[in-house]
All heavy atoms as atom14 arrays in JSON, in Angstrom:
{
  "sequence": "STVYADSVKGRFTISQDNDKNTLYQQLNSMKAEDAAMYFC",
  "atom14_mask": [
    [1, 1, 1, 1, 1, 1, 0, 0, 0, 0, 0, 0, 0, 0],
    [1, 1, 1, 1, 1, 1, 1, 0, 0, 0, 0, 0, 0, 0],
    [1, 1, 1, 1, 1, 1, 1, 0, 0, 0, 0, 0, 0, 0],
    [1, 1, 1, 1, 1, 1, 1, 1, 1, 1, 1, 1, 0, 0],
    [1, 1, 1, 1, 1, 0, 0, 0, 0, 0, 0, 0, 0, 0],
    [1, 1, 1, 1, 1, 1, 1, 1, 0, 0, 0, 0, 0, 0],
    [1, 1, 1, 1, 1, 1, 0, 0, 0, 0, 0, 0, 0, 0],
    [1, 1, 1, 1, 1, 1, 1, 0, 0, 0, 0, 0, 0, 0],
    [1, 1, 1, 1, 1, 1, 1, 1, 1, 0, 0, 0, 0, 0],
    [1, 1, 1, 1, 0, 0, 0, 0, 0, 0, 0, 0, 0, 0],
    [1, 1, 1, 1, 1, 1, 1, 1, 1, 1, 1, 0, 0, 0],
    [1, 1, 1, 1, 1, 1, 1, 1, 1, 1, 1, 0, 0, 0],
    [1, 1, 1, 1, 1, 1, 1, 0, 0, 0, 0, 0, 0, 0],
    [1, 1, 1, 1, 1, 1, 1, 1, 0, 0, 0, 0, 0, 0],
    [1, 1, 1, 1, 1, 1, 0, 0, 0, 0, 0, 0, 0, 0],
    [1, 1, 1, 1, 1, 1, 1, 1, 1, 0, 0, 0, 0, 0],
    [1, 1, 1, 1, 1, 1, 1, 1, 0, 0, 0, 0, 0, 0],
    [1, 1, 1, 1, 1, 1, 1, 1, 0, 0, 0, 0, 0, 0],
    [1, 1, 1, 1, 1, 1, 1, 1, 0, 0, 0, 0, 0, 0],
    [1, 1, 1, 1, 1, 1, 1, 1, 1, 0, 0, 0, 0, 0],
    [1, 1, 1, 1, 1, 1, 1, 1, 0, 0, 0, 0, 0, 0],
    [1, 1, 1, 1, 1, 1, 1, 0, 0, 0, 0, 0, 0, 0],
    [1, 1, 1, 1, 1, 1, 1, 1, 0, 0, 0, 0, 0, 0],
    [1, 1, 1, 1, 1, 1, 1, 1, 1, 1, 1, 1, 0, 0],
    [1, 1, 1, 1, 1, 1, 1, 1, 1, 0, 0, 0, 0, 0],
    [1, 1, 1, 1, 1, 1, 1, 1, 1, 0, 0, 0, 0, 0],
    [1, 1, 1, 1, 1, 1, 1, 1, 0, 0, 0, 0, 0, 0],
    [1, 1, 1, 1, 1, 1, 1, 1, 0, 0, 0, 0, 0, 0],
    [1, 1, 1, 1, 1, 1, 0, 0, 0, 0, 0, 0, 0, 0],
    [1, 1, 1, 1, 1, 1, 1, 1, 0, 0, 0, 0, 0, 0],
    [1, 1, 1, 1, 1, 1, 1, 1, 1, 0, 0, 0, 0, 0],
    [1, 1, 1, 1, 1, 0, 0, 0, 0, 0, 0, 0, 0, 0],
    [1, 1, 1, 1, 1, 1, 1, 1, 1, 0, 0, 0, 0, 0],
    [1, 1, 1, 1, 1, 1, 1, 1, 0, 0, 0, 0, 0, 0],
    [1, 1, 1, 1, 1, 0, 0, 0, 0, 0, 0, 0, 0, 0],
    [1, 1, 1, 1, 1, 0, 0, 0, 0, 0, 0, 0, 0, 0],
    [1, 1, 1, 1, 1, 1, 1, 1, 0, 0, 0, 0, 0, 0],
    [1, 1, 1, 1, 1, 1, 1, 1, 1, 1, 1, 1, 0, 0],
    [1, 1, 1, 1, 1, 1, 1, 1, 1, 1, 1, 0, 0, 0],
    [1, 1, 1, 1, 1, 1, 0, 0, 0, 0, 0, 0, 0, 0]
  ],
  "atom14_positions": [
    [[0.83, -1.2, 0.0], [0.0, 0.0, 0.0], [0.87, 1.25, 0.0], [1.92, 1.29, 0.62], [-0.92, 0.02, 1.22], [-1.84, -1.05, 1.19], [0.0, 0.0, 0.0], [0.0, 0.0, 0.0], [0.0, 0.0, 0.0], [0.0, 0.0, 0.0], [0.0, 0.0, 0.0], [0.0, 0.0, 0.0], [0.0, 0.0, 0.0], [0.0, 0.0, 0.0]],
    [[0.4, 2.27, -0.68], [1.09, 3.55, -0.72], [0.13, 4.67, -0.37], [-1.08, 4.57, -0.59], [1.7, 3.83, -2.1], [0.67, 3.8, -3.1], [2.76, 2.79, -2.44], [0.0, 0.0, 0.0], [0.0, 0.0, 0.0], [0.0, 0.0, 0.0], [0.0, 0.0, 0.0], [0.0, 0.0, 0.0], [0.0, 0.0, 0.0], [0.0, 0.0, 0.0]],
    [[0.68, 5.72, 0.19], [-0.09, 6.92, 0.47], [0.71, 8.12, 0.0], [1.94, 8.12, 0.06], [-0.43, 7.07, 1.97], [-1.38, 5.96, 2.41], [0.82, 7.05, 2.83], [0.0, 0.0, 0.0], [0.0, 0.0, 0.0], [0.0, 0.0, 0.0], [0.0, 0.0, 0.0], [0.0, 0.0, 0.0], [0.0, 0.0, 0.0], [0.0, 0.0, 0.0]],
    [[0.0, 9.14, -0.46], [0.63, 10.35, -0.95], [-0.08, 11.57, -0.41], [-1.3, 11.56, -0.24], [0.6, 10.42, -2.48], [1.42, 9.37, -3.19], [0.88, 8.15, -3.54], [2.74, 9.64, -3.52], [1.64, 7.2, -4.19], [3.51, 8.69, -4.17], [2.96, 7.47, -4.51], [3.72, 6.54, -5.17], [0.0, 0.0, 0.0], [0.0, 0.0, 0.0]],
    [[0.69, 12.59, -0.14], [0.09, 13.86, 0.17], [-0.63, 14.4, -1.06], [-0.19, 14.18, -2.2], [1.15, 14.86, 0.63], [0.0, 0.0, 0.0], [0.0, 0.0, 0.0], [0.0, 0.0, 0.0], [0.0, 0.0, 0.0], [0.0, 0.0, 0.0], [0.0, 0.0, 0.0], [0.0, 0.0, 0.0], [0.0, 0.0, 0.0], [0.0, 0.0, 0.0]],
    [[-1.73, 15.09, -0.85], [-2.48, 15.63, -1.97], [-1.63, 16.53, -2.86], [-1.82, 16.58, -4.07], [-3.7, 16.41, -1.47], [-4.78, 15.52, -0.9], [-4.79, 14.31, -1.19], [-5.64, 16.04, -0.16], [0.0, 0.0, 0.0], [0.0, 0.0, 0.0], [0.0, 0.0, 0.0], [0.0, 0.0, 0.0], [0.0, 0.0, 0.0], [0.0, 0.0, 0.0]],
    [[-0.69, 17.22, -2.26], [0.12, 18.18, -3.0], [1.07, 17.53, -4.0], [1.58, 18.21, -4.89], [0.93, 19.05, -2.03], [1.77, 18.25, -1.22], [0.0, 0.0, 0.0], [0.0, 0.0, 0.0], [0.0, 0.0, 0.0], [0.0, 0.0, 0.0], [0.0, 0.0, 0.0], [0.0, 0.0, 0.0], [0.0, 0.0, 0.0], [0.0, 0.0, 0.0]],
    [[1.3, 16.22, -3.87], [2.25, 15.55, -4.75], [1.62, 14.44, -5.57], [2.3, 13.84, -6.42], [3.46, 15.0, -3.98], [4.1, 16.1, -3.15], [3.06, 13.82, -3.1], [0.0, 0.0, 0.0], [0.0, 0.0, 0.0], [0.0, 0.0, 0.0], [0.0, 0.0, 0.0], [0.0, 0.0, 0.0], [0.0, 0.0, 0.0], [0.0, 0.0, 0.0]],
    [[0.36, 14.14, -5.36], [-0.29, 13.07, -6.11], [-0.21, 13.34, -7.6], [-0.48, 14.44, -8.07], [-1.75, 12.93, -5.68], [-1.94, 12.27, -4.33], [-3.42, 12.13, -3.99], [-3.61, 11.44, -2.66], [-5.03, 11.34, -2.28], [0.0, 0.0, 0.0], [0.0, 0.0, 0.0], [0.0, 0.0, 0.0], [0.0, 0.0, 0.0], [0.0, 0.0, 0.0]],
    [[0.14, 12.31, -8.34], [0.27, 12.43, -9.78], [1.61, 12.93, -10.24], [1.91, 12.89, -11.43], [0.0, 0.0, 0.0], [0.0, 0.0, 0.0], [0.0, 0.0, 0.0], [0.0, 0.0, 0.0], [0.0, 0.0, 0.0], [0.0, 0.0, 0.0], [0.0, 0.0, 0.0], [0.0, 0.0, 0.0], [0.0, 0.0, 0.0], [0.0, 0.0, 0.0]],
    [[2.45, 13.4, -9.3], [3.77, 13.92, -9.65], [4.9, 13.1, -9.04], [5.94, 12.94, -9.67], [3.91, 15.37, -9.22], [2.9, 16.31, -9.87], [3.23, 17.77, -9.57], [3.16, 18.06, -8.13], [4.2, 18.48, -7.41], [5.38, 18.66, -7.98], [4.05, 18.74, -6.12], [0.0, 0.0, 0.0], [0.0, 0.0, 0.0], [0.0, 0.0, 0.0]],
    [[4.7, 12.61, -7.82], [5.73, 11.85, -7.12], [5.34, 10.38, -7.07], [4.15, 10.05, -6.98], [5.9, 12.35, -5.69], [6.48, 13.74, -5.56], [6.7, 14.54, -6.66], [6.8, 14.23, -4.3], [7.23, 15.82, -6.53], [7.33, 15.5, -4.16], [7.54, 16.29, -5.26], [0.0, 0.0, 0.0], [0.0, 0.0, 0.0], [0.0, 0.0, 0.0]],
    [[6.34, 9.52, -7.09], [6.1, 8.1, -7.0], [7.09, 7.48, -6.02], [8.3, 7.67, -6.14], [6.26, 7.41, -8.37], [5.36, 8.0, -9.31], [5.95, 5.92, -8.25], [0.0, 0.0, 0.0], [0.0, 0.0, 0.0], [0.0, 0.0, 0.0], [0.0, 0.0, 0.0], [0.0, 0.0, 0.0], [0.0, 0.0, 0.0], [0.0, 0.0, 0.0]],
    [[6.57, 6.73, -5.05], [7.42, 6.03, -4.1], [7.54, 4.57, -4.54], [6.58, 3.96, -5.0], [6.86, 6.15, -2.67], [7.87, 5.61, -1.65], [5.51, 5.46, -2.54], [7.49, 5.93, -0.2], [0.0, 0.0, 0.0], [0.0, 0.0, 0.0], [0.0, 0.0, 0.0], [0.0, 0.0, 0.0], [0.0, 0.0, 0.0], [0.0, 0.0, 0.0]],
    [[8.72, 4.03, -4.41], [8.97, 2.65, -4.78], [10.13, 2.12, -3.96], [10.78, 2.87, -3.22], [9.26, 2.52, -6.28], [10.42, 3.25, -6.64], [0.0, 0.0, 0.0], [0.0, 0.0, 0.0], [0.0, 0.0, 0.0], [0.0, 0.0, 0.0], [0.0, 0.0, 0.0], [0.0, 0.0, 0.0], [0.0, 0.0, 0.0], [0.0, 0.0, 0.0]],
    [[10.4, 0.83, -4.08], [11.48, 0.23, -3.32], [12.12, -0.91, -4.08], [11.52, -1.54, -4.94], [10.99, -0.26, -1.95], [10.03, -1.43, -1.98], [8.63, -1.03, -2.36], [8.19, 0.07, -2.05], [7.91, -1.91, -3.05], [0.0, 0.0, 0.0], [0.0, 0.0, 0.0], [0.0, 0.0, 0.0], [0.0, 0.0, 0.0], [0.0, 0.0, 0.0]],
    [[13.37, -1.15, -3.75], [14.11, -2.3, -4.24], [14.5, -3.1, -3.01], [15.43, -2.74, -2.3], [15.34, -1.86, -5.03], [16.07, -3.03, -5.67], [16.03, -4.15, -5.13], [16.71, -2.82, -6.71], [0.0, 0.0, 0.0], [0.0, 0.0, 0.0], [0.0, 0.0, 0.0], [0.0, 0.0, 0.0], [0.0, 0.0, 0.0], [0.0, 0.0, 0.0]],
    [[13.76, -4.17, -2.77], [13.98, -4.94, -1.55], [15.36, -5.6, -1.5], [15.96, -5.72, -0.44], [12.89, -6.0, -1.39], [11.53, -5.4, -1.12], [11.41, -4.29, -0.62], [10.48, -6.15, -1.43], [0.0, 0.0, 0.0], [0.0, 0.0, 0.0], [0.0, 0.0, 0.0], [0.0, 0.0, 0.0], [0.0, 0.0, 0.0], [0.0, 0.0, 0.0]],
    [[15.85, -6.01, -2.65], [17.17, -6.65, -2.7], [18.28, -5.68, -2.31], [19.3, -6.09, -1.77], [17.44, -7.22, -4.08], [16.57, -8.41, -4.41], [16.08, -9.07, -3.47], [16.38, -8.7, -5.61], [0.0, 0.0, 0.0], [0.0, 0.0, 0.0], [0.0, 0.0, 0.0], [0.0, 0.0, 0.0], [0.0, 0.0, 0.0], [0.0, 0.0, 0.0]],
    [[18.07, -4.42, -2.6], [19.07, -3.4, -2.27], [18.75, -2.67, -0.97], [19.49, -1.77, -0.58], [19.17, -2.38, -3.4], [19.71, -2.95, -4.7], [19.83, -1.87, -5.76], [20.4, -2.42, -7.05], [20.52, -1.36, -8.08], [0.0, 0.0, 0.0], [0.0, 0.0, 0.0], [0.0, 0.0, 0.0], [0.0, 0.0, 0.0], [0.0, 0.0, 0.0]],
    [[17.66, -3.05, -0.32], [17.23, -2.39, 0.91], [17.14, -0.87, 0.72], [17.58, -0.09, 1.56], [18.18, -2.71, 2.07], [18.23, -4.18, 2.4], [17.2, -4.84, 2.44], [19.43, -4.69, 2.64], [0.0, 0.0, 0.0], [0.0, 0.0, 0.0], [0.0, 0.0, 0.0], [0.0, 0.0, 0.0], [0.0, 0.0, 0.0], [0.0, 0.0, 0.0]],
    [[16.56, -0.48, -0.39], [16.54, 0.92, -0.77], [15.14, 1.37, -1.13], [14.41, 0.68, -1.85], [17.49, 1.18, -1.95], [18.82, 0.79, -1.58], [17.5, 2.64, -2.33], [0.0, 0.0, 0.0], [0.0, 0.0, 0.0], [0.0, 0.0, 0.0], [0.0, 0.0, 0.0], [0.0, 0.0, 0.0], [0.0, 0.0, 0.0], [0.0, 0.0, 0.0]],
    [[14.78, 2.52, -0.62], [13.52, 3.18, -0.93], [13.81, 4.33, -1.88], [14.82, 5.03, -1.75], [12.88, 3.71, 0.35], [11.54, 4.42, 0.23], [10.42, 3.4, 0.03], [11.27, 5.25, 1.49], [0.0, 0.0, 0.0], [0.0, 0.0, 0.0], [0.0, 0.0, 0.0], [0.0, 0.0, 0.0], [0.0, 0.0, 0.0], [0.0, 0.0, 0.0]],
    [[12.92, 4.55, -2.83], [13.09, 5.6, -3.81], [11.89, 6.53, -3.82], [10.78, 6.16, -3.45], [13.25, 5.03, -5.22], [14.4, 4.08, -5.38], [14.2, 2.71, -5.34], [15.69, 4.56, -5.58], [15.25, 1.83, -5.49], [16.75, 3.68, -5.74], [16.53, 2.32, -5.69], [17.58, 1.45, -5.84], [0.0, 0.0, 0.0], [0.0, 0.0, 0.0]],
    [[12.14, 7.73, -4.25], [11.05, 8.64, -4.55], [11.39, 9.4, -5.82], [12.4, 10.1, -5.87], [10.77, 9.62, -3.41], [9.57, 10.53, -3.7], [8.96, 11.11, -2.46], [8.06, 10.5, -1.88], [9.46, 12.27, -2.04], [0.0, 0.0, 0.0], [0.0, 0.0, 0.0], [0.0, 0.0, 0.0], [0.0, 0.0, 0.0], [0.0, 0.0, 0.0]],
    [[10.56, 9.22, -6.82], [10.68, 9.95, -8.06], [9.86, 11.22, -7.96], [8.66, 11.16, -7.68], [10.19, 9.1, -9.24], [10.32, 9.76, -10.59], [11.74, 9.9, -11.05], [12.56, 9.03, -10.8], [12.04, 11.0, -11.73], [0.0, 0.0, 0.0], [0.0, 0.0, 0.0], [0.0, 0.0, 0.0], [0.0, 0.0, 0.0], [0.0, 0.0, 0.0]],
    [[10.5, 12.35, -8.16], [9.85, 13.64, -8.08], [9.79, 14.23, -9.48], [10.82, 14.61, -10.04], [10.59, 14.61, -7.15], [10.65, 14.31, -5.65], [11.55, 13.12, -5.34], [11.16, 15.54, -4.9], [0.0, 0.0, 0.0], [0.0, 0.0, 0.0], [0.0, 0.0, 0.0], [0.0, 0.0, 0.0], [0.0, 0.0, 0.0], [0.0, 0.0, 0.0]],
    [[8.61, 14.29, -10.04], [8.41, 14.83, -11.38], [7.64, 16.14, -11.31], [6.97, 16.44, -10.34], [7.65, 13.84, -12.26], [8.42, 12.58, -12.54], [9.65, 12.58, -12.59], [7.7, 11.48, -12.74], [0.0, 0.0, 0.0], [0.0, 0.0, 0.0], [0.0, 0.0, 0.0], [0.0, 0.0, 0.0], [0.0, 0.0, 0.0], [0.0, 0.0, 0.0]],
    [[7.74, 16.89, -12.39], [7.02, 18.16, -12.51], [7.24, 19.02, -11.27], [6.29, 19.53, -10.66], [5.52, 17.9, -12.73], [5.31, 17.12, -13.9], [0.0, 0.0, 0.0], [0.0, 0.0, 0.0], [0.0, 0.0, 0.0], [0.0, 0.0, 0.0], [0.0, 0.0, 0.0], [0.0, 0.0, 0.0], [0.0, 0.0, 0.0], [0.0, 0.0, 0.0]],
    [[8.49, 19.19, -10.91], [8.84, 19.89, -9.69], [8.34, 21.33, -9.69], [8.4, 22.03, -10.71], [10.35, 19.88, -9.48], [10.93, 18.48, -9.29], [10.56, 17.8, -7.66], [11.61, 18.83, -6.63], [0.0, 0.0, 0.0], [0.0, 0.0, 0.0], [0.0, 0.0, 0.0], [0.0, 0.0, 0.0], [0.0, 0.0, 0.0], [0.0, 0.0, 0.0]],
    [[7.86, 21.75, -8.54], [7.39, 23.1, -8.33], [8.25, 23.78, -7.28], [8.91, 23.12, -6.48], [5.93, 23.1, -7.86], [4.96, 22.41, -8.8], [3.56, 22.37, -8.18], [2.56, 21.7, -9.1], [1.21, 21.66, -8.5], [0.0, 0.0, 0.0], [0.0, 0.0, 0.0], [0.0, 0.0, 0.0], [0.0, 0.0, 0.0], [0.0, 0.0, 0.0]],
    [[8.19, 25.1, -7.26], [8.97, 25.85, -6.29], [8.66, 25.42, -4.86], [9.56, 25.34, -4.01], [8.73, 27.35, -6.45], [0.0, 0.0, 0.0], [0.0, 0.0, 0.0], [0.0, 0.0, 0.0], [0.0, 0.0, 0.0], [0.0, 0.0, 0.0], [0.0, 0.0, 0.0], [0.0, 0.0, 0.0], [0.0, 0.0, 0.0], [0.0, 0.0, 0.0]],
    [[7.41, 25.11, -4.59], [7.01, 24.72, -3.25], [7.5, 23.34, -2.84], [7.34, 22.93, -1.69], [5.49, 24.81, -3.09], [4.71, 24.02, -4.12], [4.24, 24.89, -5.28], [5.01, 25.76, -5.73], [3.09, 24.7, -5.74], [0.0, 0.0, 0.0], [0.0, 0.0, 0.0], [0.0, 0.0, 0.0], [0.0, 0.0, 0.0], [0.0, 0.0, 0.0]],
    [[8.09, 22.6, -3.78], [8.67, 21.3, -3.46], [10.06, 21.42, -2.87], [10.61, 20.42, -2.39], [8.73, 20.42, -4.7], [7.36, 20.05, -5.24], [6.44, 19.81, -4.42], [7.21, 19.98, -6.47], [0.0, 0.0, 0.0], [0.0, 0.0, 0.0], [0.0, 0.0, 0.0], [0.0, 0.0, 0.0], [0.0, 0.0, 0.0], [0.0, 0.0, 0.0]],
    [[10.65, 22.59, -2.9], [11.97, 22.79, -2.33], [11.92, 22.55, -0.83], [11.09, 23.12, -0.13], [12.48, 24.19, -2.63], [0.0, 0.0, 0.0], [0.0, 0.0, 0.0], [0.0, 0.0, 0.0], [0.0, 0.0, 0.0], [0.0, 0.0, 0.0], [0.0, 0.0, 0.0], [0.0, 0.0, 0.0], [0.0, 0.0, 0.0], [0.0, 0.0, 0.0]],
    [[12.78, 21.69, -0.34], [12.79, 21.33, 1.07], [13.94, 20.37, 1.35], [14.6, 19.89, 0.43], [11.47, 20.67, 1.47], [0.0, 0.0, 0.0], [0.0, 0.0, 0.0], [0.0, 0.0, 0.0], [0.0, 0.0, 0.0], [0.0, 0.0, 0.0], [0.0, 0.0, 0.0], [0.0, 0.0, 0.0], [0.0, 0.0, 0.0], [0.0, 0.0, 0.0]],
    [[14.16, 20.11, 2.63], [14.99, 19.0, 3.02], [14.1, 17.77, 3.08], [13.09, 17.78, 3.78], [15.64, 19.26, 4.38], [16.58, 18.15, 4.84], [18.15, 18.18, 3.95], [18.95, 19.58, 4.75], [0.0, 0.0, 0.0], [0.0, 0.0, 0.0], [0.0, 0.0, 0.0], [0.0, 0.0, 0.0], [0.0, 0.0, 0.0], [0.0, 0.0, 0.0]],
    [[14.46, 16.75, 2.35], [13.68, 15.53, 2.3], [14.31, 14.47, 3.19], [15.51, 14.2, 3.12], [13.58, 15.02, 0.86], [12.57, 15.79, 0.04], [12.87, 17.06, -0.43], [11.32, 15.25, -0.25], [11.94, 17.78, -1.16], [10.39, 15.96, -0.99], [10.7, 17.23, -1.44], [9.78, 17.94, -2.17], [0.0, 0.0, 0.0], [0.0, 0.0, 0.0]],
    [[13.47, 13.86, 4.02], [13.91, 12.84, 4.96], [13.25, 11.51, 4.68], [12.06, 11.45, 4.37], [13.55, 13.25, 6.4], [14.22, 14.49, 6.88], [13.64, 15.73, 6.7], [15.44, 14.42, 7.53], [14.25, 16.88, 7.15], [16.06, 15.56, 7.99], [15.47, 16.79, 7.8], [0.0, 0.0, 0.0], [0.0, 0.0, 0.0], [0.0, 0.0, 0.0]],
    [[14.0, 10.47, 4.82], [13.48, 9.11, 4.79], [13.25, 8.65, 6.22], [14.04, 8.97, 7.11], [14.49, 8.2, 4.09], [14.08, 6.45, 4.09], [0.0, 0.0, 0.0], [0.0, 0.0, 0.0], [0.0, 0.0, 0.0], [0.0, 0.0, 0.0], [0.0, 0.0, 0.0], [0.0, 0.0, 0.0], [0.0, 0.0, 0.0], [0.0, 0.0, 0.0]]
  ]
}
């Protein structure tokens, strides 16, 4: 299951590679308001 903030729905995608123990976030169609420190 995935959940997204309304502000990023349709633009950001969360995914993972279990073999690499890695979580990803694809950020598309970036807006000025997306500027931030991003934490996992």
